[in-house]
C-alpha atoms as a PDB file:
ATOM      1  CA  UNK A   1     -13.136  -9.824  -0.611  1.00  0.00           C
ATOM      2  CA  UNK A   2     -10.730 -11.768   1.581  1.00  0.00           C
ATOM      3  CA  UNK A   3      -7.564 -10.428   3.163  1.00  0.00           C
ATOM      4  CA  UNK A   4      -5.064 -12.759   4.786  1.00  0.00           C
ATOM      5  CA  UNK A   5      -2.404 -11.411   7.154  1.00  0.00           C
ATOM      6  CA  UNK A   6       0.638 -13.690   7.436  1.00  0.00           C
ATOM      7  CA  UNK A   7       3.064 -13.586  10.357  1.00  0.00           C
ATOM      8  CA  UNK A   8       6.390 -15.425   9.981  1.00  0.00           C
ATOM      9  CA  UNK A   9       7.352 -16.440  13.523  1.00  0.00           C
ATOM     10  CA  UNK A  10      10.516 -18.019  14.915  1.00  0.00           C
ATOM     11  CA  UNK A  11      10.318 -18.353  18.717  1.00  0.00           C
ATOM     12  CA  UNK A  12       8.230 -15.229  19.257  1.00  0.00           C
ATOM     13  CA  UNK A  13       6.443 -16.136  22.505  1.00  0.00           C
ATOM     14  CA  UNK A  14       7.459 -12.833  24.143  1.00  0.00           C
ATOM     15  CA  UNK A  15       5.751 -10.642  21.542  1.00  0.00           C
ATOM     16  CA  UNK A  16       3.288 -12.676  19.438  1.00  0.00           C
ATOM     17  CA  UNK A  17       0.306 -12.187  21.763  1.00  0.00           C
ATOM     18  CA  UNK A  18       0.409  -8.411  21.294  1.00  0.00           C
ATOM     19  CA  UNK A  19       0.449  -8.897  17.524  1.00  0.00           C
ATOM     20  CA  UNK A  20      -2.530 -11.275  17.647  1.00  0.00           C
ATOM     21  CA  UNK A  21      -4.536  -8.932  19.858  1.00  0.00           C
ATOM     22  CA  UNK A  22      -3.872  -5.973  17.547  1.00  0.00           C
ATOM     23  CA  UNK A  23      -5.093  -7.968  14.536  1.00  0.00           C
ATOM     24  CA  UNK A  24      -8.244  -8.914  16.455  1.00  0.00           C
ATOM     25  CA  UNK A  25      -8.847  -5.213  17.153  1.00  0.00           C
ATOM     26  CA  UNK A  26      -8.530  -4.123  13.518  1.00  0.00           C
ATOM     27  CA  UNK A  27     -11.521  -2.362  12.008  1.00  0.00           C
ATOM     28  CA  UNK A  28     -12.604  -4.546   9.093  1.00  0.00           C
ATOM     29  CA  UNK A  29     -14.550  -2.793   6.310  1.00  0.00           C
ATOM     30  CA  UNK A  30     -17.975  -4.131   5.390  1.00  0.00           C
ATOM     31  CA  UNK A  31     -17.787  -6.942   2.854  1.00  0.00           C
ATOM     32  CA  UNK A  32     -14.215  -7.882   3.810  1.00  0.00           C
ATOM     33  CA  UNK A  33     -13.189 -11.194   5.395  1.00  0.00           C
ATOM     34  CA  UNK A  34      -9.963 -11.098   7.419  1.00  0.00           C
ATOM     35  CA  UNK A  35      -7.851 -14.115   8.341  1.00  0.00           C
ATOM     36  CA  UNK A  36      -4.661 -14.108  10.430  1.00  0.00           C
ATOM     37  CA  UNK A  37      -2.195 -16.943   9.820  1.00  0.00           C
ATOM     38  CA  UNK A  38       1.049 -17.548  11.726  1.00  0.00           C
ATOM     39  CA  UNK A  39       3.808 -19.579  10.084  1.00  0.00           C
ATOM     40  CA  UNK A  40       5.680 -21.398  12.869  1.00  0.00           C
ATOM     41  CA  UNK A  41       9.229 -21.412  11.522  1.00  0.00           C
ATOM     42  CA  UNK A  42      11.063 -24.086  13.537  1.00  0.00           C
ATOM     43  CA  UNK A  43       9.567 -22.785  16.784  1.00  0.00           C
ATOM     44  CA  UNK A  44      10.725 -24.500  19.976  1.00  0.00           C
ATOM     45  CA  UNK A  45       9.082 -22.159  22.483  1.00  0.00           C
ATOM     46  CA  UNK A  46       5.471 -21.401  23.380  1.00  0.00           C
ATOM     47  CA  UNK A  47       4.529 -19.494  20.214  1.00  0.00           C
ATOM     48  CA  UNK A  48       2.254 -22.281  18.941  1.00  0.00           C
ATOM     49  CA  UNK A  49       0.425 -22.586  22.273  1.00  0.00           C
ATOM     50  CA  UNK A  50      -0.274 -18.841  22.329  1.00  0.00           C
ATOM     51  CA  UNK A  51      -1.659 -18.966  18.788  1.00  0.00           C
ATOM     52  CA  UNK A  52      -3.841 -21.952  19.684  1.00  0.00           C
ATOM     53  CA  UNK A  53      -5.158 -20.140  22.763  1.00  0.00           C
ATOM     54  CA  UNK A  54      -6.324 -17.263  20.579  1.00  0.00           C
ATOM     55  CA  UNK A  55      -7.729 -19.483  17.828  1.00  0.00           C
ATOM     56  CA  UNK A  56      -5.230 -18.316  15.227  1.00  0.00           C
ATOM     57  CA  UNK A  57      -4.542 -20.627  12.319  1.00  0.00           C
ATOM     58  CA  UNK A  58      -0.946 -21.885  12.196  1.00  0.00           C
ATOM     59  CA  UNK A  59       1.220 -23.474   9.548  1.00  0.00           C
ATOM     60  CA  UNK A  60       4.203 -25.501  10.751  1.00  0.00           C
ATOM     61  CA  UNK A  61       7.563 -25.179   9.028  1.00  0.00           C
ATOM     62  CA  UNK A  62      10.116 -27.558  10.527  1.00  0.00           C
ATOM     63  CA  UNK A  63      12.895 -27.163   7.975  1.00  0.00           C
ATOM     64  CA  UNK A  64      15.421 -24.591   6.801  1.00  0.00           C
ATOM     65  CA  UNK A  65      15.422 -24.549   3.037  1.00  0.00           C
ATOM     66  CA  UNK A  66      17.753 -22.973   0.508  1.00  0.00           C
ATOM     67  CA  UNK A  67      16.146 -19.523   0.584  1.00  0.00           C
ATOM     68  CA  UNK A  68      18.625 -16.824   1.636  1.00  0.00           C
ATOM     69  CA  UNK A  69      16.098 -15.137   3.924  1.00  0.00           C
ATOM     70  CA  UNK A  70      14.281 -17.377   6.436  1.00  0.00           C
ATOM     71  CA  UNK A  71      11.542 -14.733   6.709  1.00  0.00           C
ATOM     72  CA  UNK A  72      10.948 -14.824   2.960  1.00  0.00           C
ATOM     73  CA  UNK A  73      10.945 -18.626   3.068  1.00  0.00           C
ATOM     74  CA  UNK A  74       8.358 -18.717   5.861  1.00  0.00           C
ATOM     75  CA  UNK A  75       6.219 -16.082   4.202  1.00  0.00           C
ATOM     76  CA  UNK A  76       6.352 -17.917   0.871  1.00  0.00           C
ATOM     77  CA  UNK A  77       4.995 -21.029   2.568  1.00  0.00           C
ATOM     78  CA  UNK A  78       2.162 -19.021   4.090  1.00  0.00           C
ATOM     79  CA  UNK A  79       1.477 -17.377   0.748  1.00  0.00           C
ATOM     80  CA  UNK A  80       1.211 -20.747  -0.978  1.00  0.00           C
ATOM     81  CA  UNK A  81      -1.081 -22.275   1.645  1.00  0.00           C
ATOM     82  CA  UNK A  82      -3.589 -19.432   1.906  1.00  0.00           C
ATOM     83  CA  UNK A  83      -5.972 -17.651  -0.401  1.00  0.00           C
ATOM     84  CA  UNK A  84      -7.298 -14.125  -0.466  1.00  0.00           C
ATOM     85  CA  UNK A  85      -7.186 -11.388  -3.060  1.00  0.00           C
ATOM     86  CA  UNK A  86      -5.082  -9.191  -0.787  1.00  0.00           C
ATOM     87  CA  UNK A  87      -2.194 -10.560   1.255  1.00  0.00           C
ATOM     88  CA  UNK A  88      -0.543  -8.802   4.156  1.00  0.00           C
ATOM     89  CA  UNK A  89       2.583  -9.289   6.203  1.00  0.00           C
ATOM     90  CA  UNK A  90       2.584  -8.360   9.861  1.00  0.00           C
ATOM     91  CA  UNK A  91       5.673  -9.149  11.895  1.00  0.00           C
ATOM     92  CA  UNK A  92       5.296 -10.896  15.241  1.00  0.00           C
ATOM     93  CA  UNK A  93       6.569  -7.862  17.153  1.00  0.00           C
ATOM     94  CA  UNK A  94       4.154  -5.412  15.471  1.00  0.00           C
ATOM     95  CA  UNK A  95       1.110  -3.831  17.088  1.00  0.00           C
ATOM     96  CA  UNK A  96      -1.141  -2.476  14.348  1.00  0.00           C
ATOM     97  CA  UNK A  97      -3.401   0.509  15.115  1.00  0.00           C
ATOM     98  CA  UNK A  98      -7.136  -0.297  14.860  1.00  0.00           C
ATOM     99  CA  UNK A  99      -7.631   1.809  11.693  1.00  0.00           C
ATOM    100  CA  UNK A 100      -4.574   0.384   9.890  1.00  0.00           C
ATOM    101  CA  UNK A 101      -6.511  -1.887   7.548  1.00  0.00           C
ATOM    102  CA  UNK A 102      -8.954   0.822   6.506  1.00  0.00           C
ATOM    103  CA  UNK A 103      -6.300   3.441   5.815  1.00  0.00           C
ATOM    104  CA  UNK A 104      -3.948   1.071   3.994  1.00  0.00           C
ATOM    105  CA  UNK A 105      -6.741  -0.211   1.752  1.00  0.00           C
ATOM    106  CA  UNK A 106      -7.584   3.382   0.765  1.00  0.00           C
ATOM    107  CA  UNK A 107      -4.135   3.740  -0.837  1.00  0.00           C
ATOM    108  CA  UNK A 108      -4.044   0.354  -2.555  1.00  0.00           C
ATOM    109  CA  UNK A 109      -5.141   0.252  -6.187  1.00  0.00           C
ATOM    110  CA  UNK A 110      -4.106   0.929  -9.766  1.00  0.00           C
ATOM    111  CA  UNK A 111      -0.342   1.022 -10.148  1.00  0.00           C
ATOM    112  CA  UNK A 112       0.048   1.049  -6.354  1.00  0.00           C
ATOM    113  CA  UNK A 113       0.328  -2.691  -5.753  1.00  0.00           C
ATOM    114  CA  UNK A 114       1.817  -2.565  -2.264  1.00  0.00           C
ATOM    115  CA  UNK A 115       1.284  -0.283   0.731  1.00  0.00           C
ATOM    116  CA  UNK A 116       3.259  -0.230   3.979  1.00  0.00           C
ATOM    117  CA  UNK A 117       2.674   1.312   7.391  1.00  0.00           C
ATOM    118  CA  UNK A 118       5.203   3.516   9.111  1.00  0.00           C
ATOM    119  CA  UNK A 119       6.843   1.956  12.155  1.00  0.00           C
ATOM    120  CA  UNK A 120       7.781   3.297  15.577  1.00  0.00           C
ATOM    121  CA  UNK A 121      10.161   1.113  17.573  1.00  0.00           C
ATOM    122  CA  UNK A 122       9.707   0.748  21.339  1.00  0.00           C
ATOM    123  CA  UNK A 123      12.076  -1.257  23.527  1.00  0.00           C
ATOM    124  CA  UNK A 124      11.088  -0.243  27.050  1.00  0.00           C
ATOM    125  CA  UNK A 125      14.650   1.001  27.653  1.00  0.00           C
ATOM    126  CA  UNK A 126      14.576   4.803  27.937  1.00  0.00           C
ATOM    127  CA  UNK A 127      17.929   5.464  26.270  1.00  0.00           C
ATOM    128  CA  UNK A 128      17.260   3.149  23.349  1.00  0.00           C
ATOM    129  CA  UNK A 129      13.787   4.607  22.911  1.00  0.00           C
ATOM    130  CA  UNK A 130      15.416   8.056  22.869  1.00  0.00           C
ATOM    131  CA  UNK A 131      17.715   6.875  20.066  1.00  0.00           C
ATOM    132  CA  UNK A 132      14.677   5.607  18.183  1.00  0.00           C
ATOM    133  CA  UNK A 133      12.916   8.980  18.585  1.00  0.00           C
ATOM    134  CA  UNK A 134      16.023  10.746  17.277  1.00  0.00           C
ATOM    135  CA  UNK A 135      16.016   8.359  14.330  1.00  0.00           C
ATOM    136  CA  UNK A 136      12.391   9.220  13.594  1.00  0.00           C
ATOM    137  CA  UNK A 137      13.221  12.935  13.826  1.00  0.00           C
ATOM    138  CA  UNK A 138      16.064  12.383  11.403  1.00  0.00           C
ATOM    139  CA  UNK A 139      13.627  10.903   8.888  1.00  0.00           C
ATOM    140  CA  UNK A 140      11.682  14.166   8.985  1.00  0.00           C
ATOM    141  CA  UNK A 141      14.635  16.534   8.474  1.00  0.00           C
ATOM    142  CA  UNK A 142      17.116  14.534   6.378  1.00  0.00           C
ATOM    143  CA  UNK A 143      16.908  15.168   2.612  1.00  0.00           C
ATOM    144  CA  UNK A 144      15.896  11.635   1.726  1.00  0.00           C
ATOM    145  CA  UNK A 145      12.556   9.964   1.312  1.00  0.00           C
ATOM    146  CA  UNK A 146      11.521   7.355   3.836  1.00  0.00           C
ATOM    147  CA  UNK A 147      11.322   3.942   2.234  1.00  0.00           C
ATOM    148  CA  UNK A 148       8.525   1.463   2.987  1.00  0.00           C
ATOM    149  CA  UNK A 149       9.374  -1.211   5.532  1.00  0.00           C
ATOM    150  CA  UNK A 150       8.188  -4.795   5.610  1.00  0.00           C
ATOM    151  CA  UNK A 151       6.797  -4.874   9.146  1.00  0.00           C
ATOM    152  CA  UNK A 152       3.149  -4.196   8.191  1.00  0.00           C
ATOM    153  CA  UNK A 153       2.135  -4.130   4.550  1.00  0.00           C
ATOM    154  CA  UNK A 154      -0.562  -5.198   2.106  1.00  0.00           C
ATOM    155  CA  UNK A 155      -0.276  -6.207  -1.542  1.00  0.00           C
ATOM    156  CA  UNK A 156      -2.265  -7.857  -4.311  1.00  0.00           C
ATOM    157  CA  UNK A 157      -1.773 -11.603  -4.614  1.00  0.00           C
ATOM    158  CA  UNK A 158      -2.262 -11.557  -8.380  1.00  0.00           C
ATOM    159  CA  UNK A 159       0.474  -8.947  -8.817  1.00  0.00           C
ATOM    160  CA  UNK A 160       3.002 -11.001  -6.841  1.00  0.00           C
ATOM    161  CA  UNK A 161       2.087 -14.041  -8.923  1.00  0.00           C
ATOM    162  CA  UNK A 162       2.402 -11.949 -12.099  1.00  0.00           C
ATOM    163  CA  UNK A 163       5.943 -10.841 -11.268  1.00  0.00           C
ATOM    164  CA  UNK A 164       7.029 -14.387 -10.473  1.00  0.00           C
ATOM    165  CA  UNK A 165       6.663 -14.443  -6.704  1.00  0.00           C
ATOM    166  CA  UNK A 166       9.250 -13.593  -4.085  1.00  0.00           C
ATOM    167  CA  UNK A 167      12.977 -13.775  -4.743  1.00  0.00           C
ATOM    168  CA  UNK A 168      14.373 -16.439  -2.441  1.00  0.00           C
ATOM    169  CA  UNK A 169      17.929 -15.577  -3.489  1.00  0.00           C
ATOM    170  CA  UNK A 170      17.583 -12.024  -2.147  1.00  0.00           C
ATOM    171  CA  UNK A 171      18.523 -11.250   1.477  1.00  0.00           C
ATOM    172  CA  UNK A 172      15.623  -8.991   2.487  1.00  0.00           C
ATOM    173  CA  UNK A 173      11.896  -9.506   2.032  1.00  0.00           C
ATOM    174  CA  UNK A 174      10.691  -5.914   1.785  1.00  0.00           C
ATOM    175  CA  UNK A 175      13.415  -4.248  -0.299  1.00  0.00           C
ATOM    176  CA  UNK A 176      13.638  -7.197  -2.684  1.00  0.00           C
ATOM    177  CA  UNK A 177       9.874  -7.141  -3.249  1.00  0.00           C
ATOM    178  CA  UNK A 178       9.795  -3.376  -3.743  1.00  0.00           C
ATOM    179  CA  UNK A 179      12.611  -3.474  -6.306  1.00  0.00           C
ATOM    180  CA  UNK A 180      10.894  -6.255  -8.216  1.00  0.00           C
ATOM    181  CA  UNK A 181       7.549  -4.444  -8.224  1.00  0.00           C
ATOM    182  CA  UNK A 182       9.184  -1.283  -9.565  1.00  0.00           C
ATOM    183  CA  UNK A 183      10.943  -3.266 -12.280  1.00  0.00           C
ATOM    184  CA  UNK A 184       7.500  -4.380 -13.477  1.00  0.00           C
ATOM    185  CA  UNK A 185       6.048  -0.875 -13.369  1.00  0.00           C
ATOM    186  CA  UNK A 186       4.227  -1.068 -10.038  1.00  0.00           C
ATOM    187  CA  UNK A 187       4.553   1.184  -7.008  1.00  0.00           C
ATOM    188  CA  UNK A 188       5.185   0.296  -3.395  1.00  0.00           C
ATOM    189  CA  UNK A 189       4.434   3.225  -1.113  1.00  0.00           C
ATOM    190  CA  UNK A 190       4.703   4.212   2.521  1.00  0.00           C
ATOM    191  CA  UNK A 191       1.484   5.373   4.204  1.00  0.00           C
ATOM    192  CA  UNK A 192       2.844   7.683   6.948  1.00  0.00           C
ATOM    193  CA  UNK A 193      -0.523   8.269   8.584  1.00  0.00           C
ATOM    194  CA  UNK A 194      -0.576   4.607   9.642  1.00  0.00           C
ATOM    195  CA  UNK A 195       1.953   4.137  12.452  1.00  0.00           C
ATOM    196  CA  UNK A 196       2.474   0.640  13.832  1.00  0.00           C
ATOM    197  CA  UNK A 197       4.391  -0.034  17.039  1.00  0.00           C
ATOM    198  CA  UNK A 198       7.339  -2.406  16.789  1.00  0.00           C
ATOM    199  CA  UNK A 199       7.765  -3.773  20.319  1.00  0.00           C
ATOM    200  CA  UNK A 200      11.359  -4.940  20.811  1.00  0.00           C
ATOM    201  CA  UNK A 201      12.077  -5.737  24.481  1.00  0.00           C
ATOM    202  CA  UNK A 202      15.210  -7.618  23.380  1.00  0.00           C
ATOM    203  CA  UNK A 203      16.648  -4.609  21.560  1.00  0.00           C
ATOM    204  CA  UNK A 204      20.241  -3.721  22.473  1.00  0.00           C
ATOM    205  CA  UNK A 205      22.908  -1.464  21.019  1.00  0.00           C
ATOM    206  CA  UNK A 206      24.762  -4.551  19.785  1.00  0.00           C
ATOM    207  CA  UNK A 207      21.625  -5.710  17.932  1.00  0.00           C
ATOM    208  CA  UNK A 208      21.219  -2.276  16.339  1.00  0.00           C
ATOM    209  CA  UNK A 209      24.820  -2.353  15.077  1.00  0.00           C
ATOM    210  CA  UNK A 210      24.438  -5.929  13.828  1.00  0.00           C
ATOM    211  CA  UNK A 211      21.218  -5.012  12.004  1.00  0.00           C
ATOM    212  CA  UNK A 212      22.883  -2.043  10.325  1.00  0.00           C
ATOM    213  CA  UNK A 213      25.774  -4.210   9.144  1.00  0.00           C
ATOM    214  CA  UNK A 214      23.335  -6.817   7.814  1.00  0.00           C
ATOM    215  CA  UNK A 215      21.388  -4.050   6.046  1.00  0.00           C
ATOM    216  CA  UNK A 216      24.580  -2.827   4.394  1.00  0.00           C
ATOM    217  CA  UNK A 217      25.452  -6.327   3.220  1.00  0.00           C
ATOM    218  CA  UNK A 218      21.924  -6.777   1.895  1.00  0.00           C
ATOM    219  CA  UNK A 219      22.086  -3.496  -0.043  1.00  0.00           C
ATOM    220  CA  UNK A 220      25.248  -4.727  -1.778  1.00  0.00           C
ATOM    221  CA  UNK A 221      23.623  -8.076  -2.673  1.00  0.00           C
ATOM    222  CA  UNK A 222      20.549  -6.283  -3.988  1.00  0.00           C
ATOM    223  CA  UNK A 223      22.723  -4.273  -6.364  1.00  0.00           C
ATOM    224  CA  UNK A 224      22.173  -0.884  -4.707  1.00  0.00           C
ATOM    225  CA  UNK A 225      25.086   1.436  -5.510  1.00  0.00           C
ATOM    226  CA  UNK A 226      27.895   2.406  -3.159  1.00  0.00           C
ATOM    227  CA  UNK A 227      27.270   6.141  -3.506  1.00  0.00           C
ATOM    228  CA  UNK A 228      23.576   5.784  -2.732  1.00  0.00           C
ATOM    229  CA  UNK A 229      24.403   3.620   0.283  1.00  0.00           C
ATOM    230  CA  UNK A 230      27.022   6.103   1.503  1.00  0.00           C
ATOM    231  CA  UNK A 231      24.531   8.976   1.269  1.00  0.00           C
ATOM    232  CA  UNK A 232      21.914   6.863   3.048  1.00  0.00           C
ATOM    233  CA  UNK A 233      24.379   5.969   5.796  1.00  0.00           C
ATOM    234  CA  UNK A 234      25.456   9.597   6.228  1.00  0.00           C
ATOM    235  CA  UNK A 235      22.076  11.313   6.275  1.00  0.00           C
ATOM    236  CA  UNK A 236      20.313   8.544   8.176  1.00  0.00           C
ATOM    237  CA  UNK A 237      23.044   8.516  10.846  1.00  0.00           C
ATOM    238  CA  UNK A 238      23.551   4.775  10.283  1.00  0.00           C
ATOM    239  CA  UNK A 239      27.336   4.424   9.893  1.00  0.00           C
ATOM    240  CA  UNK A 240      27.410   0.651  10.165  1.00  0.00           C
ATOM    241  CA  UNK A 241      25.241   0.285   7.053  1.00  0.00           C
ATOM    242  CA  UNK A 242      28.169   1.595   5.005  1.00  0.00           C
ATOM    243  CA  UNK A 243      30.538  -0.675   6.938  1.00  0.00           C
ATOM    244  CA  UNK A 244      28.398  -3.700   6.119  1.00  0.00           C
ATOM    245  CA  UNK A 245      28.279  -2.698   2.442  1.00  0.00           C
ATOM    246  CA  UNK A 246      32.065  -2.380   2.261  1.00  0.00           C
ATOM    247  CA  UNK A 247      32.593  -5.704   4.062  1.00  0.00           C
ATOM    248  CA  UNK A 248      30.310  -7.424   1.553  1.00  0.00           C
ATOM    249  CA  UNK A 249      32.031  -5.623  -1.316  1.00  0.00           C
ATOM    250  CA  UNK A 250      35.419  -6.875  -0.103  1.00  0.00           C
ATOM    251  CA  UNK A 251      34.094 -10.373   0.531  1.00  0.00           C
ATOM    252  CA  UNK A 252      34.833 -10.209   4.252  1.00  0.00           C
END
């Protein structure tokens, strides 16, 4: 059985090496072939040279198409130009734990067509890392389930092909895929015992606020209700998600 891990990358020279090294250190079950492929999405930095140094296969993408999400567009290209019964997405800033592949594969099967690792964000800035730890604590005590994220996940290629592929008119890769899978009767689940590190040295408070606003806008475009978004924003302590939703609702 072959598994291909695809990394969409746009100028990721500061973090891609850690991702590559973590993939190299993954425990691969007997009888499984693992390939790591990086899609170079209009890269103008040293990302390609780092991949070449480590012998990682790359696919060049030198255009910006009509897809709403550039990540989805890059991943779609990688999906089309690779094979493998199981396909995975690992973001360039992710460090996967060595046992990630083994534990994720244990949960994949039957109606569970997609499995995702939990993610811990590290910036190297003590106060931002404290905010991230408080966020993680909030996930444990707030009365809402933690949704799968797209940073490190595996899914069956044949299932994605069966449901018509990825939605290029949707703003987010992970939520759009999960909603589509559920509409076809499949499950996408979080595997909390697998914790990947998201290394974000460029993380700032302004970026956090911008991301929350973008998330709110995306939730509106995905058709998620206002009440559900308001509850999410309240209990997850993410006020700018609701702001982004309202801005999108008002067409601002």
